[in-house]
Amino acid sequence: MADAADASPKEISRAEAREMLGDGAQLIDVRADHEWETGHLPGATHIALPDLPARVGEIDKGKPVILYCRGGNRSTMATVALAEAGYDAAKLIEGATGWEEEGLPFEPEGGYVAESGEAAAVLEARKRAS
């Protein structure tokens, strides 16, 4: 039997995610606050990865859950943890970066995928504003 360290999360494509969302799945963004504020997937709920244990009760165990971050590391951890807790959890392949590269919508209008490091994100925002 594999241990938790060997667990790999269920992964879904952007097309699968859009279909699941249309059928009522939940979408959870596990990125940091500054990343959420610069742009997120429409309809997502923001629960930063460090806050997930305290806020897991906000996620409906009776509905599928799609998790995403910038590229996949944080959503992998969140997906494994939720799956182990009995949730039907999957991570979005390539996260917000892949979503943006495909030209899919972001909120707010004009939103974008920020760098995960806060200092890099500030520099990027300044560059975009100039």
N, C-alpha and C. Protein backbone atom coordinates (compact mmCIF):
# COMPACT_ATOMS: atom_id res chain seq x y z
N MET A 1 0.85 -1.19 0.00
CA MET A 1 0.00 0.00 0.00
C MET A 1 0.89 1.25 0.00
N ALA A 2 0.57 2.22 -0.87
CA ALA A 2 1.36 3.44 -0.98
C ALA A 2 1.07 4.35 0.21
N ASP A 3 2.08 5.09 0.62
CA ASP A 3 1.82 6.04 1.70
C ASP A 3 1.42 7.39 1.11
N ALA A 4 1.01 8.32 1.97
CA ALA A 4 0.49 9.61 1.51
C ALA A 4 1.51 10.37 0.67
N ALA A 5 2.79 10.20 0.95
CA ALA A 5 3.81 10.92 0.20
C ALA A 5 3.84 10.48 -1.27
N ASP A 6 3.37 9.25 -1.52
CA ASP A 6 3.34 8.74 -2.89
C ASP A 6 2.04 9.07 -3.61
N ALA A 7 1.08 9.65 -2.90
CA ALA A 7 -0.23 9.91 -3.48
C ALA A 7 -0.11 10.94 -4.60
N SER A 8 -0.78 10.66 -5.70
CA SER A 8 -0.83 11.65 -6.77
C SER A 8 -2.30 12.02 -6.96
N PRO A 9 -2.55 13.30 -7.15
CA PRO A 9 -3.93 13.76 -7.22
C PRO A 9 -4.58 13.43 -8.57
N LYS A 10 -5.89 13.40 -8.55
CA LYS A 10 -6.65 13.32 -9.79
C LYS A 10 -6.45 14.66 -10.50
N GLU A 11 -6.17 14.60 -11.80
CA GLU A 11 -5.94 15.82 -12.58
C GLU A 11 -6.98 15.91 -13.69
N ILE A 12 -7.42 17.14 -13.97
CA ILE A 12 -8.38 17.34 -15.05
C ILE A 12 -7.92 18.46 -15.97
N SER A 13 -8.35 18.39 -17.21
CA SER A 13 -8.01 19.41 -18.20
C SER A 13 -8.92 20.63 -18.04
N ARG A 14 -8.59 21.69 -18.73
CA ARG A 14 -9.43 22.89 -18.69
C ARG A 14 -10.82 22.58 -19.27
N ALA A 15 -10.89 21.79 -20.34
CA ALA A 15 -12.18 21.43 -20.93
C ALA A 15 -13.02 20.63 -19.93
N GLU A 16 -12.38 19.66 -19.25
CA GLU A 16 -13.09 18.88 -18.23
C GLU A 16 -13.56 19.78 -17.09
N ALA A 17 -12.71 20.72 -16.69
CA ALA A 17 -13.07 21.64 -15.60
C ALA A 17 -14.29 22.48 -15.99
N ARG A 18 -14.29 23.02 -17.19
CA ARG A 18 -15.43 23.85 -17.62
C ARG A 18 -16.71 23.02 -17.63
N GLU A 19 -16.64 21.76 -18.07
CA GLU A 19 -17.81 20.89 -18.09
C GLU A 19 -18.29 20.60 -16.66
N MET A 20 -17.34 20.27 -15.77
CA MET A 20 -17.69 19.99 -14.38
C MET A 20 -18.30 21.22 -13.70
N LEU A 21 -17.75 22.40 -13.98
CA LEU A 21 -18.29 23.62 -13.39
C LEU A 21 -19.71 23.87 -13.87
N GLY A 22 -19.96 23.58 -15.13
CA GLY A 22 -21.31 23.70 -15.67
C GLY A 22 -22.29 22.76 -14.99
N ASP A 23 -21.78 21.65 -14.46
CA ASP A 23 -22.60 20.67 -13.76
C ASP A 23 -22.64 20.89 -12.25
N GLY A 24 -22.07 22.01 -11.78
CA GLY A 24 -22.18 22.37 -10.37
C GLY A 24 -20.97 22.10 -9.49
N ALA A 25 -19.83 21.75 -10.08
CA ALA A 25 -18.62 21.54 -9.26
C ALA A 25 -18.19 22.85 -8.61
N GLN A 26 -17.45 22.71 -7.52
CA GLN A 26 -16.89 23.86 -6.80
C GLN A 26 -15.48 24.14 -7.32
N LEU A 27 -15.11 25.40 -7.39
CA LEU A 27 -13.79 25.81 -7.86
C LEU A 27 -13.10 26.56 -6.73
N ILE A 28 -11.94 26.05 -6.31
CA ILE A 28 -11.21 26.65 -5.18
C ILE A 28 -9.82 27.09 -5.63
N ASP A 29 -9.52 28.35 -5.39
CA ASP A 29 -8.22 28.94 -5.68
C ASP A 29 -7.40 28.92 -4.40
N VAL A 30 -6.28 28.18 -4.40
CA VAL A 30 -5.48 28.05 -3.18
C VAL A 30 -4.24 28.95 -3.18
N ARG A 31 -4.21 29.95 -4.07
CA ARG A 31 -3.05 30.85 -4.14
C ARG A 31 -3.09 31.89 -3.02
N ALA A 32 -2.03 32.66 -2.92
CA ALA A 32 -1.92 33.73 -1.92
C ALA A 32 -2.86 34.89 -2.26
N ASP A 33 -3.12 35.72 -1.26
CA ASP A 33 -4.04 36.85 -1.42
C ASP A 33 -3.68 37.74 -2.60
N HIS A 34 -2.39 38.11 -2.73
CA HIS A 34 -2.02 39.04 -3.81
C HIS A 34 -2.25 38.41 -5.19
N GLU A 35 -2.10 37.09 -5.29
CA GLU A 35 -2.34 36.41 -6.57
C GLU A 35 -3.83 36.43 -6.91
N TRP A 36 -4.67 36.16 -5.92
CA TRP A 36 -6.12 36.18 -6.11
C TRP A 36 -6.58 37.55 -6.57
N GLU A 37 -6.05 38.60 -5.93
CA GLU A 37 -6.50 39.96 -6.22
C GLU A 37 -6.16 40.40 -7.64
N THR A 38 -5.05 39.94 -8.21
CA THR A 38 -4.69 40.38 -9.56
C THR A 38 -5.49 39.67 -10.64
N GLY A 39 -6.02 38.49 -10.33
CA GLY A 39 -6.85 37.79 -11.30
C GLY A 39 -7.11 36.36 -10.87
N HIS A 40 -8.35 35.91 -11.07
CA HIS A 40 -8.73 34.55 -10.72
C HIS A 40 -9.79 34.05 -11.69
N LEU A 41 -9.99 32.75 -11.68
CA LEU A 41 -10.97 32.14 -12.56
C LEU A 41 -12.37 32.52 -12.10
N PRO A 42 -13.25 32.81 -13.06
CA PRO A 42 -14.62 33.19 -12.71
C PRO A 42 -15.32 32.10 -11.89
N GLY A 43 -16.00 32.54 -10.84
CA GLY A 43 -16.76 31.63 -10.00
C GLY A 43 -15.95 30.94 -8.92
N ALA A 44 -14.66 31.22 -8.85
CA ALA A 44 -13.80 30.57 -7.85
C ALA A 44 -14.05 31.14 -6.45
N THR A 45 -13.76 30.32 -5.46
CA THR A 45 -13.73 30.73 -4.06
C THR A 45 -12.26 30.75 -3.66
N HIS A 46 -11.86 31.77 -2.93
CA HIS A 46 -10.45 31.88 -2.52
C HIS A 46 -10.27 31.31 -1.12
N ILE A 47 -9.49 30.25 -1.04
CA ILE A 47 -9.06 29.70 0.25
C ILE A 47 -7.56 29.41 0.09
N ALA A 48 -6.73 30.33 0.56
CA ALA A 48 -5.27 30.16 0.44
C ALA A 48 -4.86 28.84 1.10
N LEU A 49 -3.89 28.16 0.52
CA LEU A 49 -3.47 26.85 1.01
C LEU A 49 -3.24 26.82 2.52
N PRO A 50 -2.54 27.79 3.13
CA PRO A 50 -2.33 27.72 4.59
C PRO A 50 -3.64 27.79 5.39
N ASP A 51 -4.71 28.35 4.79
CA ASP A 51 -5.99 28.50 5.47
C ASP A 51 -6.91 27.29 5.28
N LEU A 52 -6.54 26.38 4.38
CA LEU A 52 -7.42 25.27 4.04
C LEU A 52 -7.86 24.42 5.23
N PRO A 53 -6.96 24.02 6.13
CA PRO A 53 -7.41 23.20 7.26
C PRO A 53 -8.50 23.87 8.09
N ALA A 54 -8.39 25.17 8.32
CA ALA A 54 -9.35 25.89 9.14
C ALA A 54 -10.66 26.16 8.40
N ARG A 55 -10.62 26.17 7.05
CA ARG A 55 -11.80 26.56 6.27
C ARG A 55 -12.41 25.40 5.47
N VAL A 56 -11.91 24.18 5.68
CA VAL A 56 -12.38 23.04 4.89
C VAL A 56 -13.89 22.84 5.02
N GLY A 57 -14.46 23.24 6.14
CA GLY A 57 -15.91 23.11 6.33
C GLY A 57 -16.74 23.95 5.37
N GLU A 58 -16.11 24.92 4.70
CA GLU A 58 -16.81 25.76 3.73
C GLU A 58 -16.99 25.03 2.39
N ILE A 59 -16.31 23.91 2.22
CA ILE A 59 -16.36 23.16 0.96
C ILE A 59 -17.39 22.04 1.11
N ASP A 60 -18.33 21.98 0.19
CA ASP A 60 -19.41 20.99 0.21
C ASP A 60 -18.86 19.62 -0.17
N LYS A 61 -18.91 18.68 0.77
CA LYS A 61 -18.37 17.34 0.53
C LYS A 61 -19.22 16.55 -0.47
N GLY A 62 -20.43 17.02 -0.72
CA GLY A 62 -21.33 16.33 -1.64
C GLY A 62 -21.17 16.72 -3.10
N LYS A 63 -20.29 17.67 -3.39
CA LYS A 63 -20.07 18.13 -4.77
C LYS A 63 -18.60 17.98 -5.13
N PRO A 64 -18.31 17.69 -6.41
CA PRO A 64 -16.89 17.64 -6.83
C PRO A 64 -16.21 18.99 -6.58
N VAL A 65 -14.91 18.92 -6.30
CA VAL A 65 -14.12 20.11 -6.02
C VAL A 65 -12.95 20.15 -7.01
N ILE A 66 -12.78 21.31 -7.66
CA ILE A 66 -11.64 21.54 -8.54
C ILE A 66 -10.75 22.56 -7.85
N LEU A 67 -9.47 22.23 -7.70
CA LEU A 67 -8.52 23.13 -7.05
C LEU A 67 -7.49 23.61 -8.05
N TYR A 68 -7.07 24.85 -7.89
CA TYR A 68 -6.00 25.36 -8.75
C TYR A 68 -5.14 26.35 -8.01
N CYS A 69 -3.91 26.47 -8.50
CA CYS A 69 -2.97 27.49 -8.03
C CYS A 69 -2.34 28.10 -9.28
N ARG A 70 -1.12 28.57 -9.18
CA ARG A 70 -0.48 29.18 -10.35
C ARG A 70 -0.10 28.12 -11.37
N GLY A 71 0.60 27.08 -10.91
CA GLY A 71 1.07 26.07 -11.85
C GLY A 71 0.79 24.64 -11.44
N GLY A 72 0.60 24.37 -10.15
CA GLY A 72 0.25 23.02 -9.77
C GLY A 72 0.77 22.51 -8.45
N ASN A 73 1.80 23.12 -7.85
CA ASN A 73 2.36 22.58 -6.61
C ASN A 73 1.40 22.68 -5.43
N ARG A 74 0.86 23.86 -5.20
CA ARG A 74 -0.04 24.05 -4.05
C ARG A 74 -1.35 23.31 -4.25
N SER A 75 -1.86 23.31 -5.49
CA SER A 75 -3.12 22.60 -5.72
C SER A 75 -2.94 21.09 -5.60
N THR A 76 -1.74 20.58 -5.90
CA THR A 76 -1.48 19.16 -5.69
C THR A 76 -1.62 18.82 -4.21
N MET A 77 -0.99 19.61 -3.34
CA MET A 77 -1.07 19.37 -1.90
C MET A 77 -2.52 19.44 -1.41
N ALA A 78 -3.25 20.45 -1.87
CA ALA A 78 -4.64 20.63 -1.44
C ALA A 78 -5.52 19.49 -1.94
N THR A 79 -5.31 19.07 -3.18
CA THR A 79 -6.13 18.00 -3.76
C THR A 79 -5.90 16.69 -3.03
N VAL A 80 -4.65 16.36 -2.76
CA VAL A 80 -4.34 15.13 -2.03
C VAL A 80 -4.98 15.17 -0.64
N ALA A 81 -4.85 16.30 0.05
CA ALA A 81 -5.41 16.42 1.40
C ALA A 81 -6.93 16.26 1.40
N LEU A 82 -7.60 16.91 0.45
CA LEU A 82 -9.06 16.81 0.40
C LEU A 82 -9.50 15.40 0.00
N ALA A 83 -8.81 14.80 -0.95
CA ALA A 83 -9.16 13.43 -1.36
C ALA A 83 -9.02 12.47 -0.19
N GLU A 84 -7.96 12.64 0.59
CA GLU A 84 -7.76 11.78 1.76
C GLU A 84 -8.84 12.00 2.82
N ALA A 85 -9.44 13.19 2.81
CA ALA A 85 -10.51 13.51 3.76
C ALA A 85 -11.89 13.12 3.21
N GLY A 86 -11.92 12.48 2.04
CA GLY A 86 -13.18 11.98 1.50
C GLY A 86 -13.87 12.85 0.49
N TYR A 87 -13.22 13.90 0.03
CA TYR A 87 -13.80 14.77 -1.00
C TYR A 87 -13.51 14.20 -2.39
N ASP A 88 -14.39 14.48 -3.35
CA ASP A 88 -14.16 14.17 -4.75
C ASP A 88 -13.38 15.36 -5.30
N ALA A 89 -12.06 15.32 -5.16
CA ALA A 89 -11.21 16.47 -5.47
C ALA A 89 -10.32 16.19 -6.67
N ALA A 90 -10.13 17.22 -7.50
CA ALA A 90 -9.24 17.13 -8.66
C ALA A 90 -8.52 18.46 -8.81
N LYS A 91 -7.30 18.40 -9.35
CA LYS A 91 -6.57 19.64 -9.61
C LYS A 91 -6.63 19.98 -11.09
N LEU A 92 -6.66 21.26 -11.37
CA LEU A 92 -6.68 21.76 -12.73
C LEU A 92 -5.26 21.71 -13.29
N ILE A 93 -5.07 20.93 -14.36
CA ILE A 93 -3.76 20.82 -14.99
C ILE A 93 -3.29 22.20 -15.44
N GLU A 94 -2.05 22.54 -15.13
CA GLU A 94 -1.39 23.81 -15.48
C GLU A 94 -2.00 25.02 -14.79
N GLY A 95 -2.94 24.82 -13.88
CA GLY A 95 -3.47 25.88 -13.04
C GLY A 95 -3.90 27.13 -13.77
N ALA A 96 -3.77 28.26 -13.07
CA ALA A 96 -4.18 29.55 -13.63
C ALA A 96 -3.32 29.93 -14.83
N THR A 97 -2.08 29.50 -14.85
CA THR A 97 -1.19 29.82 -15.97
C THR A 97 -1.72 29.22 -17.26
N GLY A 98 -2.08 27.95 -17.24
CA GLY A 98 -2.63 27.30 -18.43
C GLY A 98 -3.94 27.93 -18.86
N TRP A 99 -4.76 28.30 -17.88
CA TRP A 99 -6.05 28.95 -18.15
C TRP A 99 -5.81 30.25 -18.91
N GLU A 100 -4.87 31.04 -18.42
CA GLU A 100 -4.55 32.33 -19.05
C GLU A 100 -3.97 32.12 -20.44
N GLU A 101 -3.07 31.15 -20.58
CA GLU A 101 -2.43 30.90 -21.88
C GLU A 101 -3.45 30.48 -22.94
N GLU A 102 -4.54 29.86 -22.51
CA GLU A 102 -5.59 29.45 -23.46
C GLU A 102 -6.53 30.61 -23.78
N GLY A 103 -6.34 31.76 -23.11
CA GLY A 103 -7.17 32.93 -23.37
C GLY A 103 -8.55 32.86 -22.73
N LEU A 104 -8.69 32.04 -21.69
CA LEU A 104 -9.97 31.91 -21.00
C LEU A 104 -10.16 33.10 -20.05
N PRO A 105 -11.40 33.40 -19.68
CA PRO A 105 -11.67 34.62 -18.89
C PRO A 105 -11.12 34.59 -17.47
N PHE A 106 -10.83 35.80 -17.01
CA PHE A 106 -10.39 36.05 -15.63
C PHE A 106 -11.29 37.10 -15.03
N GLU A 107 -11.36 37.10 -13.70
CA GLU A 107 -12.00 38.17 -12.95
C GLU A 107 -10.93 38.81 -12.09
N PRO A 108 -10.95 40.11 -11.86
CA PRO A 108 -11.79 41.07 -12.56
C PRO A 108 -11.35 41.21 -14.01
N GLU A 109 -12.13 41.93 -14.79
CA GLU A 109 -11.78 42.15 -16.19
C GLU A 109 -10.36 42.74 -16.26
N GLY A 110 -9.55 42.21 -17.14
CA GLY A 110 -8.16 42.65 -17.22
C GLY A 110 -7.24 41.93 -16.24
N GLY A 111 -7.79 40.99 -15.48
CA GLY A 111 -7.00 40.25 -14.51
C GLY A 111 -5.95 39.39 -15.20
N TYR A 112 -4.94 39.01 -14.46
CA TYR A 112 -3.85 38.20 -14.99
C TYR A 112 -3.27 37.33 -13.88
N VAL A 113 -2.39 36.40 -14.28
CA VAL A 113 -1.76 35.51 -13.31
C VAL A 113 -0.52 36.20 -12.75
N ALA A 114 -0.57 36.51 -11.47
CA ALA A 114 0.56 37.17 -10.81
C ALA A 114 1.65 36.16 -10.48
N GLU A 115 2.86 36.67 -10.32
CA GLU A 115 3.95 35.85 -9.81
C GLU A 115 3.58 35.39 -8.40
N SER A 116 4.04 34.22 -8.01
CA SER A 116 3.67 33.72 -6.69
C SER A 116 4.38 34.47 -5.57
N GLY A 117 5.60 34.92 -5.80
CA GLY A 117 6.32 35.71 -4.79
C GLY A 117 5.79 37.12 -4.78
N GLU A 118 5.51 37.64 -3.59
CA GLU A 118 4.88 38.96 -3.50
C GLU A 118 5.75 40.08 -4.08
N ALA A 119 7.05 40.05 -3.84
CA ALA A 119 7.92 41.10 -4.38
C ALA A 119 7.91 41.09 -5.91
N ALA A 120 8.01 39.91 -6.49
CA ALA A 120 7.97 39.80 -7.95
C ALA A 120 6.62 40.28 -8.49
N ALA A 121 5.55 40.00 -7.77
CA ALA A 121 4.23 40.42 -8.19
C ALA A 121 4.10 41.94 -8.19
N VAL A 122 4.68 42.60 -7.19
CA VAL A 122 4.64 44.06 -7.13
C VAL A 122 5.38 44.66 -8.32
N LEU A 123 6.56 44.13 -8.62
CA LEU A 123 7.32 44.61 -9.77
C LEU A 123 6.56 44.39 -11.07
N GLU A 124 5.91 43.24 -11.22
CA GLU A 124 5.14 42.95 -12.42
C GLU A 124 3.96 43.91 -12.55
N ALA A 125 3.27 44.18 -11.45
CA ALA A 125 2.13 45.10 -11.48
C ALA A 125 2.57 46.50 -11.90
N ARG A 126 3.71 46.96 -11.38
CA ARG A 126 4.24 48.27 -11.76
C ARG A 126 4.56 48.32 -13.25
N LYS A 127 5.18 47.24 -13.75
CA LYS A 127 5.53 47.17 -15.16
C LYS A 127 4.27 47.22 -16.04
N ARG A 128 3.21 46.50 -15.65
CA ARG A 128 1.97 46.48 -16.41
C ARG A 128 1.29 47.85 -16.38
N ALA A 129 1.44 48.56 -15.28
CA ALA A 129 0.79 49.87 -15.14
C ALA A 129 1.48 50.97 -15.94
N SER A 130 2.76 50.76 -16.27
CA SER A 130 3.48 51.83 -16.97
C SER A 130 3.33 51.75 -18.47
